[in-house]
Amino acid sequence: ILEYQFGLNWSRLSVQAGDILGPLMFYEVLAAF
């Protein structure tokens, strides 16, 4: 649900800062999950 609402409400943050936040979240999924 958290992922859903983040994509729905905060897409401009994803566009502007995605090049930094995206890899960090990817490492969280890859290494930890």
PDB file of all heavy atoms in Angstrom:
ATOM      1  N   ILE A   1       0.836  -1.199   0.000  1.00  0.00           N
ATOM      2  CA  ILE A   1       0.000   0.000   0.000  1.00  0.00           C
ATOM      3  C   ILE A   1       0.873   1.252   0.000  1.00  0.00           C
ATOM      4  O   ILE A   1       0.577   2.254  -0.666  1.00  0.00           O
ATOM      5  CB  ILE A   1      -0.944  -0.001   1.210  1.00  0.00           C
ATOM      6  CG1 ILE A   1      -1.976  -1.112   1.059  1.00  0.00           C
ATOM      7  CG2 ILE A   1      -1.627   1.340   1.375  1.00  0.00           C
ATOM      8  CD1 ILE A   1      -2.935  -0.911  -0.091  1.00  0.00           C
ATOM      9  N   LEU A   2       1.960   1.205   0.745  1.00  0.00           N
ATOM     10  CA  LEU A   2       2.867   2.350   0.799  1.00  0.00           C
ATOM     11  C   LEU A   2       3.442   2.643  -0.578  1.00  0.00           C
ATOM     12  O   LEU A   2       3.530   3.811  -1.004  1.00  0.00           O
ATOM     13  CB  LEU A   2       3.986   2.063   1.803  1.00  0.00           C
ATOM     14  CG  LEU A   2       4.943   3.201   2.115  1.00  0.00           C
ATOM     15  CD1 LEU A   2       4.211   4.350   2.787  1.00  0.00           C
ATOM     16  CD2 LEU A   2       6.076   2.700   3.004  1.00  0.00           C
ATOM     17  N   GLU A   3       3.829   1.608  -1.307  1.00  0.00           N
ATOM     18  CA  GLU A   3       4.347   1.791  -2.661  1.00  0.00           C
ATOM     19  C   GLU A   3       3.276   2.385  -3.574  1.00  0.00           C
ATOM     20  O   GLU A   3       3.554   3.275  -4.386  1.00  0.00           O
ATOM     21  CB  GLU A   3       4.821   0.443  -3.220  1.00  0.00           C
ATOM     22  CG  GLU A   3       5.964  -0.200  -2.462  1.00  0.00           C
ATOM     23  CD  GLU A   3       7.295   0.461  -2.751  1.00  0.00           C
ATOM     24  OE1 GLU A   3       7.362   1.239  -3.728  1.00  0.00           O
ATOM     25  OE2 GLU A   3       8.254   0.217  -2.009  1.00  0.00           O
ATOM     26  N   TYR A   4       2.061   1.934  -3.438  1.00  0.00           N
ATOM     27  CA  TYR A   4       0.964   2.419  -4.278  1.00  0.00           C
ATOM     28  C   TYR A   4       0.734   3.907  -4.073  1.00  0.00           C
ATOM     29  O   TYR A   4       0.684   4.682  -5.038  1.00  0.00           O
ATOM     30  CB  TYR A   4      -0.314   1.633  -3.953  1.00  0.00           C
ATOM     31  CG  TYR A   4      -1.579   2.338  -4.383  1.00  0.00           C
ATOM     32  CD1 TYR A   4      -1.980   2.352  -5.715  1.00  0.00           C
ATOM     33  CD2 TYR A   4      -2.372   3.003  -3.442  1.00  0.00           C
ATOM     34  CE1 TYR A   4      -3.139   3.010  -6.106  1.00  0.00           C
ATOM     35  CE2 TYR A   4      -3.526   3.656  -3.817  1.00  0.00           C
ATOM     36  CZ  TYR A   4      -3.906   3.662  -5.145  1.00  0.00           C
ATOM     37  OH  TYR A   4      -5.044   4.314  -5.516  1.00  0.00           O
ATOM     38  N   GLN A   5       0.603   4.337  -2.820  1.00  0.00           N
ATOM     39  CA  GLN A   5       0.300   5.743  -2.584  1.00  0.00           C
ATOM     40  C   GLN A   5       1.486   6.634  -2.925  1.00  0.00           C
ATOM     41  O   GLN A   5       1.311   7.789  -3.322  1.00  0.00           O
ATOM     42  CB  GLN A   5      -0.175   5.954  -1.152  1.00  0.00           C
ATOM     43  CG  GLN A   5       0.872   5.817  -0.071  1.00  0.00           C
ATOM     44  CD  GLN A   5       1.634   7.086   0.174  1.00  0.00           C
ATOM     45  OE1 GLN A   5       1.085   8.160   0.181  1.00  0.00           O
ATOM     46  NE2 GLN A   5       2.936   6.930   0.374  1.00  0.00           N
ATOM     47  N   PHE A   6       2.704   6.103  -2.823  1.00  0.00           N
ATOM     48  CA  PHE A   6       3.871   6.906  -3.195  1.00  0.00           C
ATOM     49  C   PHE A   6       3.851   7.205  -4.687  1.00  0.00           C
ATOM     50  O   PHE A   6       4.101   8.337  -5.121  1.00  0.00           O
ATOM     51  CB  PHE A   6       5.148   6.161  -2.812  1.00  0.00           C
ATOM     52  CG  PHE A   6       6.380   7.013  -2.866  1.00  0.00           C
ATOM     53  CD1 PHE A   6       6.755   7.796  -1.783  1.00  0.00           C
ATOM     54  CD2 PHE A   6       7.171   7.046  -4.003  1.00  0.00           C
ATOM     55  CE1 PHE A   6       7.887   8.598  -1.833  1.00  0.00           C
ATOM     56  CE2 PHE A   6       8.300   7.838  -4.064  1.00  0.00           C
ATOM     57  CZ  PHE A   6       8.662   8.616  -2.969  1.00  0.00           C
ATOM     58  N   GLY A   7       3.532   6.185  -5.487  1.00  0.00           N
ATOM     59  CA  GLY A   7       3.458   6.398  -6.928  1.00  0.00           C
ATOM     60  C   GLY A   7       2.299   7.277  -7.343  1.00  0.00           C
ATOM     61  O   GLY A   7       2.387   8.047  -8.307  1.00  0.00           O
ATOM     62  N   LEU A   8       1.193   7.189  -6.602  1.00  0.00           N
ATOM     63  CA  LEU A   8       0.008   7.980  -6.936  1.00  0.00           C
ATOM     64  C   LEU A   8       0.201   9.456  -6.607  1.00  0.00           C
ATOM     65  O   LEU A   8      -0.140  10.331  -7.414  1.00  0.00           O
ATOM     66  CB  LEU A   8      -1.209   7.438  -6.173  1.00  0.00           C
ATOM     67  CG  LEU A   8      -2.510   8.230  -6.325  1.00  0.00           C
ATOM     68  CD1 LEU A   8      -3.042   8.096  -7.751  1.00  0.00           C
ATOM     69  CD2 LEU A   8      -3.554   7.747  -5.308  1.00  0.00           C
ATOM     70  N   ASN A   9       0.746   9.756  -5.434  1.00  0.00           N
ATOM     71  CA  ASN A   9       0.747  11.130  -4.926  1.00  0.00           C
ATOM     72  C   ASN A   9       2.053  11.889  -5.100  1.00  0.00           C
ATOM     73  O   ASN A   9       2.044  13.121  -5.073  1.00  0.00           O
ATOM     74  CB  ASN A   9       0.396  11.129  -3.429  1.00  0.00           C
ATOM     75  CG  ASN A   9      -1.000  10.617  -3.165  1.00  0.00           C
ATOM     76  OD1 ASN A   9      -1.866  10.675  -4.029  1.00  0.00           O
ATOM     77  ND2 ASN A   9      -1.210  10.088  -1.968  1.00  0.00           N
ATOM     78  N   TRP A  10       3.169  11.191  -5.273  1.00  0.00           N
ATOM     79  CA  TRP A  10       4.461  11.881  -5.223  1.00  0.00           C
ATOM     80  C   TRP A  10       5.313  11.578  -6.452  1.00  0.00           C
ATOM     81  O   TRP A  10       6.525  11.406  -6.362  1.00  0.00           O
ATOM     82  CB  TRP A  10       5.204  11.498  -3.941  1.00  0.00           C
ATOM     83  CG  TRP A  10       4.364  11.676  -2.721  1.00  0.00           C
ATOM     84  CD1 TRP A  10       3.758  10.706  -1.985  1.00  0.00           C
ATOM     85  CD2 TRP A  10       3.987  12.927  -2.122  1.00  0.00           C
ATOM     86  NE1 TRP A  10       3.038  11.255  -0.961  1.00  0.00           N
ATOM     87  CE2 TRP A  10       3.154  12.622  -1.013  1.00  0.00           C
ATOM     88  CE3 TRP A  10       4.280  14.255  -2.400  1.00  0.00           C
ATOM     89  CZ2 TRP A  10       2.614  13.612  -0.203  1.00  0.00           C
ATOM     90  CZ3 TRP A  10       3.742  15.233  -1.597  1.00  0.00           C
ATOM     91  CH2 TRP A  10       2.923  14.923  -0.511  1.00  0.00           C
ATOM     92  N   SER A  11       4.681  11.556  -7.607  1.00  0.00           N
ATOM     93  CA  SER A  11       5.388  11.202  -8.844  1.00  0.00           C
ATOM     94  C   SER A  11       6.435  12.254  -9.227  1.00  0.00           C
ATOM     95  O   SER A  11       7.468  11.920  -9.815  1.00  0.00           O
ATOM     96  CB  SER A  11       4.393  11.035  -9.988  1.00  0.00           C
ATOM     97  OG  SER A  11       3.657  12.231 -10.198  1.00  0.00           O
ATOM     98  N   ARG A  12       6.189  13.511  -8.885  1.00  0.00           N
ATOM     99  CA  ARG A  12       7.164  14.549  -9.231  1.00  0.00           C
ATOM    100  C   ARG A  12       8.464  14.372  -8.450  1.00  0.00           C
ATOM    101  O   ARG A  12       9.540  14.648  -8.971  1.00  0.00           O
ATOM    102  CB  ARG A  12       6.568  15.926  -8.965  1.00  0.00           C
ATOM    103  CG  ARG A  12       5.461  16.304  -9.948  1.00  0.00           C
ATOM    104  CD  ARG A  12       4.884  17.671  -9.640  1.00  0.00           C
ATOM    105  NE  ARG A  12       3.814  18.016 -10.555  1.00  0.00           N
ATOM    106  CZ  ARG A  12       3.038  19.086 -10.423  1.00  0.00           C
ATOM    107  NH1 ARG A  12       3.231  19.917  -9.403  1.00  0.00           N
ATOM    108  NH2 ARG A  12       2.083  19.335 -11.304  1.00  0.00           N
ATOM    109  N   LEU A  13       8.366  13.911  -7.215  1.00  0.00           N
ATOM    110  CA  LEU A  13       9.573  13.600  -6.456  1.00  0.00           C
ATOM    111  C   LEU A  13      10.331  12.466  -7.137  1.00  0.00           C
ATOM    112  O   LEU A  13      11.565  12.495  -7.231  1.00  0.00           O
ATOM    113  CB  LEU A  13       9.220  13.221  -5.022  1.00  0.00           C
ATOM    114  CG  LEU A  13      10.373  12.746  -4.139  1.00  0.00           C
ATOM    115  CD1 LEU A  13      11.403  13.855  -3.949  1.00  0.00           C
ATOM    116  CD2 LEU A  13       9.870  12.254  -2.787  1.00  0.00           C
ATOM    117  N   SER A  14       9.599  11.463  -7.624  1.00  0.00           N
ATOM    118  CA  SER A  14      10.233  10.336  -8.313  1.00  0.00           C
ATOM    119  C   SER A  14      10.946  10.801  -9.581  1.00  0.00           C
ATOM    120  O   SER A  14      12.034  10.326  -9.907  1.00  0.00           O
ATOM    121  CB  SER A  14       9.176   9.281  -8.658  1.00  0.00           C
ATOM    122  OG  SER A  14       8.552   8.794  -7.493  1.00  0.00           O
ATOM    123  N   VAL A  15      10.319  11.737 -10.311  1.00  0.00           N
ATOM    124  CA  VAL A  15      10.927  12.247 -11.542  1.00  0.00           C
ATOM    125  C   VAL A  15      12.183  13.056 -11.223  1.00  0.00           C
ATOM    126  O   VAL A  15      13.237  12.869 -11.839  1.00  0.00           O
ATOM    127  CB  VAL A  15       9.914  13.102 -12.333  1.00  0.00           C
ATOM    128  CG1 VAL A  15      10.607  13.819 -13.488  1.00  0.00           C
ATOM    129  CG2 VAL A  15       8.783  12.227 -12.851  1.00  0.00           C
ATOM    130  N   GLN A  16      12.094  13.952 -10.250  1.00  0.00           N
ATOM    131  CA  GLN A  16      13.192  14.872  -9.967  1.00  0.00           C
ATOM    132  C   GLN A  16      14.350  14.201  -9.232  1.00  0.00           C
ATOM    133  O   GLN A  16      15.517  14.519  -9.485  1.00  0.00           O
ATOM    134  CB  GLN A  16      12.681  16.057  -9.139  1.00  0.00           C
ATOM    135  CG  GLN A  16      11.627  16.909  -9.843  1.00  0.00           C
ATOM    136  CD  GLN A  16      12.116  17.520 -11.129  1.00  0.00           C
ATOM    137  OE1 GLN A  16      11.747  17.070 -12.215  1.00  0.00           O
ATOM    138  NE2 GLN A  16      12.955  18.532 -11.024  1.00  0.00           N
ATOM    139  N   ALA A  17      14.040  13.291  -8.305  1.00  0.00           N
ATOM    140  CA  ALA A  17      15.096  12.678  -7.485  1.00  0.00           C
ATOM    141  C   ALA A  17      15.223  11.178  -7.719  1.00  0.00           C
ATOM    142  O   ALA A  17      15.943  10.498  -6.976  1.00  0.00           O
ATOM    143  CB  ALA A  17      14.820  12.941  -6.002  1.00  0.00           C
ATOM    144  N   GLY A  18      14.572  10.663  -8.742  1.00  0.00           N
ATOM    145  CA  GLY A  18      14.582   9.222  -8.977  1.00  0.00           C
ATOM    146  C   GLY A  18      15.952   8.642  -9.265  1.00  0.00           C
ATOM    147  O   GLY A  18      16.222   7.480  -8.932  1.00  0.00           O
ATOM    148  N   ASP A  19      16.835   9.423  -9.889  1.00  0.00           N
ATOM    149  CA  ASP A  19      18.167   8.912 -10.212  1.00  0.00           C
ATOM    150  C   ASP A  19      18.988   8.626  -8.961  1.00  0.00           C
ATOM    151  O   ASP A  19      19.961   7.863  -9.021  1.00  0.00           O
ATOM    152  CB  ASP A  19      18.921   9.921 -11.083  1.00  0.00           C
ATOM    153  CG  ASP A  19      18.445   9.895 -12.526  1.00  0.00           C
ATOM    154  OD1 ASP A  19      17.358   9.346 -12.761  1.00  0.00           O
ATOM    155  OD2 ASP A  19      19.150  10.419 -13.396  1.00  0.00           O
ATOM    156  N   ILE A  20      18.617   9.236  -7.851  1.00  0.00           N
ATOM    157  CA  ILE A  20      19.313   8.979  -6.590  1.00  0.00           C
ATOM    158  C   ILE A  20      18.513   8.021  -5.714  1.00  0.00           C
ATOM    159  O   ILE A  20      19.048   7.025  -5.208  1.00  0.00           O
ATOM    160  CB  ILE A  20      19.573  10.307  -5.847  1.00  0.00           C
ATOM    161  CG1 ILE A  20      20.617  11.127  -6.604  1.00  0.00           C
ATOM    162  CG2 ILE A  20      20.034  10.050  -4.411  1.00  0.00           C
ATOM    163  CD1 ILE A  20      20.904  12.473  -6.005  1.00  0.00           C
ATOM    164  N   LEU A  21      17.237   8.291  -5.537  1.00  0.00           N
ATOM    165  CA  LEU A  21      16.425   7.460  -4.650  1.00  0.00           C
ATOM    166  C   LEU A  21      16.160   6.078  -5.239  1.00  0.00           C
ATOM    167  O   LEU A  21      16.088   5.091  -4.502  1.00  0.00           O
ATOM    168  CB  LEU A  21      15.097   8.163  -4.343  1.00  0.00           C
ATOM    169  CG  LEU A  21      15.201   9.514  -3.624  1.00  0.00           C
ATOM    170  CD1 LEU A  21      13.817  10.099  -3.396  1.00  0.00           C
ATOM    171  CD2 LEU A  21      15.937   9.365  -2.301  1.00  0.00           C
ATOM    172  N   GLY A  22      16.017   5.989  -6.570  1.00  0.00           N
ATOM    173  CA  GLY A  22      15.723   4.701  -7.202  1.00  0.00           C
ATOM    174  C   GLY A  22      16.762   3.641  -6.922  1.00  0.00           C
ATOM    175  O   GLY A  22      16.431   2.533  -6.480  1.00  0.00           O
ATOM    176  N   PRO A  23      18.062   3.906  -7.183  1.00  0.00           N
ATOM    177  CA  PRO A  23      19.081   2.892  -6.881  1.00  0.00           C
ATOM    178  C   PRO A  23      19.136   2.501  -5.405  1.00  0.00           C
ATOM    179  O   PRO A  23      19.357   1.324  -5.087  1.00  0.00           O
ATOM    180  CB  PRO A  23      20.377   3.577  -7.336  1.00  0.00           C
ATOM    181  CG  PRO A  23      19.951   4.531  -8.387  1.00  0.00           C
ATOM    182  CD  PRO A  23      18.621   5.034  -7.942  1.00  0.00           C
ATOM    183  N   LEU A  24      18.944   3.458  -4.503  1.00  0.00           N
ATOM    184  CA  LEU A  24      18.973   3.130  -3.082  1.00  0.00           C
ATOM    185  C   LEU A  24      17.849   2.157  -2.725  1.00  0.00           C
ATOM    186  O   LEU A  24      18.055   1.202  -1.968  1.00  0.00           O
ATOM    187  CB  LEU A  24      18.862   4.402  -2.242  1.00  0.00           C
ATOM    188  CG  LEU A  24      20.008   5.414  -2.380  1.00  0.00           C
ATOM    189  CD1 LEU A  24      19.736   6.645  -1.531  1.00  0.00           C
ATOM    190  CD2 LEU A  24      21.342   4.787  -1.979  1.00  0.00           C
ATOM    191  N   MET A  25      16.654   2.400  -3.279  1.00  0.00           N
ATOM    192  CA  MET A  25      15.544   1.492  -3.026  1.00  0.00           C
ATOM    193  C   MET A  25      15.772   0.137  -3.693  1.00  0.00           C
ATOM    194  O   MET A  25      15.384  -0.910  -3.164  1.00  0.00           O
ATOM    195  CB  MET A  25      14.240   2.112  -3.522  1.00  0.00           C
ATOM    196  CG  MET A  25      13.931   3.488  -2.928  1.00  0.00           C
ATOM    197  SD  MET A  25      13.902   3.479  -1.132  1.00  0.00           S
ATOM    198  CE  MET A  25      12.471   2.469  -0.830  1.00  0.00           C
ATOM    199  N   PHE A  26      16.426   0.153  -4.861  1.00  0.00           N
ATOM    200  CA  PHE A  26      16.732  -1.104  -5.550  1.00  0.00           C
ATOM    201  C   PHE A  26      17.687  -1.955  -4.720  1.00  0.00           C
ATOM    202  O   PHE A  26      17.512  -3.169  -4.598  1.00  0.00           O
ATOM    203  CB  PHE A  26      17.350  -0.802  -6.917  1.00  0.00           C
ATOM    204  CG  PHE A  26      17.905  -2.013  -7.599  1.00  0.00           C
ATOM    205  CD1 PHE A  26      17.059  -2.940  -8.207  1.00  0.00           C
ATOM    206  CD2 PHE A  26      19.276  -2.246  -7.631  1.00  0.00           C
ATOM    207  CE1 PHE A  26      17.575  -4.064  -8.835  1.00  0.00           C
ATOM    208  CE2 PHE A  26      19.799  -3.369  -8.262  1.00  0.00           C
ATOM    209  CZ  PHE A  26      18.940  -4.282  -8.862  1.00  0.00           C
ATOM    210  N   TYR A  27      18.710  -1.320  -4.147  1.00  0.00           N
ATOM    211  CA  TYR A  27      19.655  -2.063  -3.307  1.00  0.00           C
ATOM    212  C   TYR A  27      18.941  -2.655  -2.088  1.00  0.00           C
ATOM    213  O   TYR A  27      19.276  -3.762  -1.641  1.00  0.00           O
ATOM    214  CB  TYR A  27      20.793  -1.152  -2.841  1.00  0.00           C
ATOM    215  CG  TYR A  27      21.669  -0.647  -3.958  1.00  0.00           C
ATOM    216  CD1 TYR A  27      22.195   0.645  -3.929  1.00  0.00           C
ATOM    217  CD2 TYR A  27      21.977  -1.450  -5.060  1.00  0.00           C
ATOM    218  CE1 TYR A  27      22.999   1.120  -4.963  1.00  0.00           C
ATOM    219  CE2 TYR A  27      22.769  -0.992  -6.087  1.00  0.00           C
ATOM    220  CZ  TYR A  27      23.275   0.301  -6.037  1.00  0.00           C
ATOM    221  OH  TYR A  27      24.065   0.761  -7.054  1.00  0.00           O
ATOM    222  N   GLU A  28      17.969  -1.906  -1.563  1.00  0.00           N
ATOM    223  CA  GLU A  28      17.209  -2.426  -0.411  1.00  0.00           C
ATOM    224  C   GLU A  28      16.492  -3.704  -0.790  1.00  0.00           C
ATOM    225  O   GLU A  28      16.512  -4.696  -0.057  1.00  0.00           O
ATOM    226  CB  GLU A  28      16.215  -1.357   0.061  1.00  0.00           C
ATOM    227  CG  GLU A  28      15.480  -1.714   1.337  1.00  0.00           C
ATOM    228  CD  GLU A  28      14.148  -2.385   1.105  1.00  0.00           C
ATOM    229  OE1 GLU A  28      13.591  -2.179   0.018  1.00  0.00           O
ATOM    230  OE2 GLU A  28      13.668  -3.116   1.990  1.00  0.00           O
ATOM    231  N   VAL A  29      15.858  -3.722  -1.960  1.00  0.00           N
ATOM    232  CA  VAL A  29      15.135  -4.914  -2.415  1.00  0.00           C
ATOM    233  C   VAL A  29      16.111  -6.038  -2.745  1.00  0.00           C
ATOM    234  O   VAL A  29      15.933  -7.187  -2.329  1.00  0.00           O
ATOM    235  CB  VAL A  29      14.261  -4.583  -3.638  1.00  0.00           C
ATOM    236  CG1 VAL A  29      13.648  -5.849  -4.221  1.00  0.00           C
ATOM    237  CG2 VAL A  29      13.169  -3.592  -3.246  1.00  0.00           C
ATOM    238  N   LEU A  30      17.158  -5.713  -3.484  1.00  0.00           N
ATOM    239  CA  LEU A  30      18.091  -6.744  -3.955  1.00  0.00           C
ATOM    240  C   LEU A  30      18.841  -7.406  -2.809  1.00  0.00           C
ATOM    241  O   LEU A  30      18.898  -8.628  -2.704  1.00  0.00           O
ATOM    242  CB  LEU A  30      19.086  -6.121  -4.937  1.00  0.00           C
ATOM    243  CG  LEU A  30      20.115  -7.074  -5.543  1.00  0.00           C
ATOM    244  CD1 LEU A  30      19.427  -8.086  -6.458  1.00  0.00           C
ATOM    245  CD2 LEU A  30      21.166  -6.291  -6.331  1.00  0.00           C
ATOM    246  N   ALA A  31      19.426  -6.587  -1.933  1.00  0.00           N
ATOM    247  CA  ALA A  31      20.304  -7.127  -0.890  1.00  0.00           C
ATOM    248  C   ALA A  31      19.538  -7.633   0.315  1.00  0.00           C
ATOM    249  O   ALA A  31      19.899  -8.652   0.899  1.00  0.00           O
ATOM    250  CB  ALA A  31      21.305  -6.060  -0.456  1.00  0.00           C
ATOM    251  N   ALA A  32      18.484  -6.931   0.694  1.00  0.00           N
ATOM    252  CA  ALA A  32      17.805  -7.260   1.943  1.00  0.00           C
ATOM    253  C   ALA A  32      16.611  -8.173   1.732  1.00  0.00           C
ATOM    254  O   ALA A  32      16.460  -9.170   2.427  1.00  0.00           O
ATOM    255  CB  ALA A  32      17.367  -5.977   2.638  1.00  0.00           C
ATOM    256  N   PHE A  33      15.744  -7.817   0.783  1.00  0.00           N
ATOM    257  CA  PHE A  33      14.528  -8.607   0.630  1.00  0.00           C
ATOM    258  C   PHE A  33      14.846 -10.048   0.262  1.00  0.00           C
ATOM    259  O   PHE A  33      14.211 -10.982   0.757  1.00  0.00           O
ATOM    260  CB  PHE A  33      13.629  -7.973  -0.434  1.00  0.00           C
ATOM    261  CG  PHE A  33      12.315  -8.692  -0.602  1.00  0.00           C
ATOM    262  CD1 PHE A  33      11.304  -8.542   0.339  1.00  0.00           C
ATOM    263  CD2 PHE A  33      12.100  -9.523  -1.676  1.00  0.00           C
ATOM    264  CE1 PHE A  33      10.100  -9.211   0.194  1.00  0.00           C
ATOM    265  CE2 PHE A  33      10.897 -10.191  -1.827  1.00  0.00           C
ATOM    266  CZ  PHE A  33       9.894 -10.033  -0.900  1.00  0.00           C
TER     267      PHE A  33
END
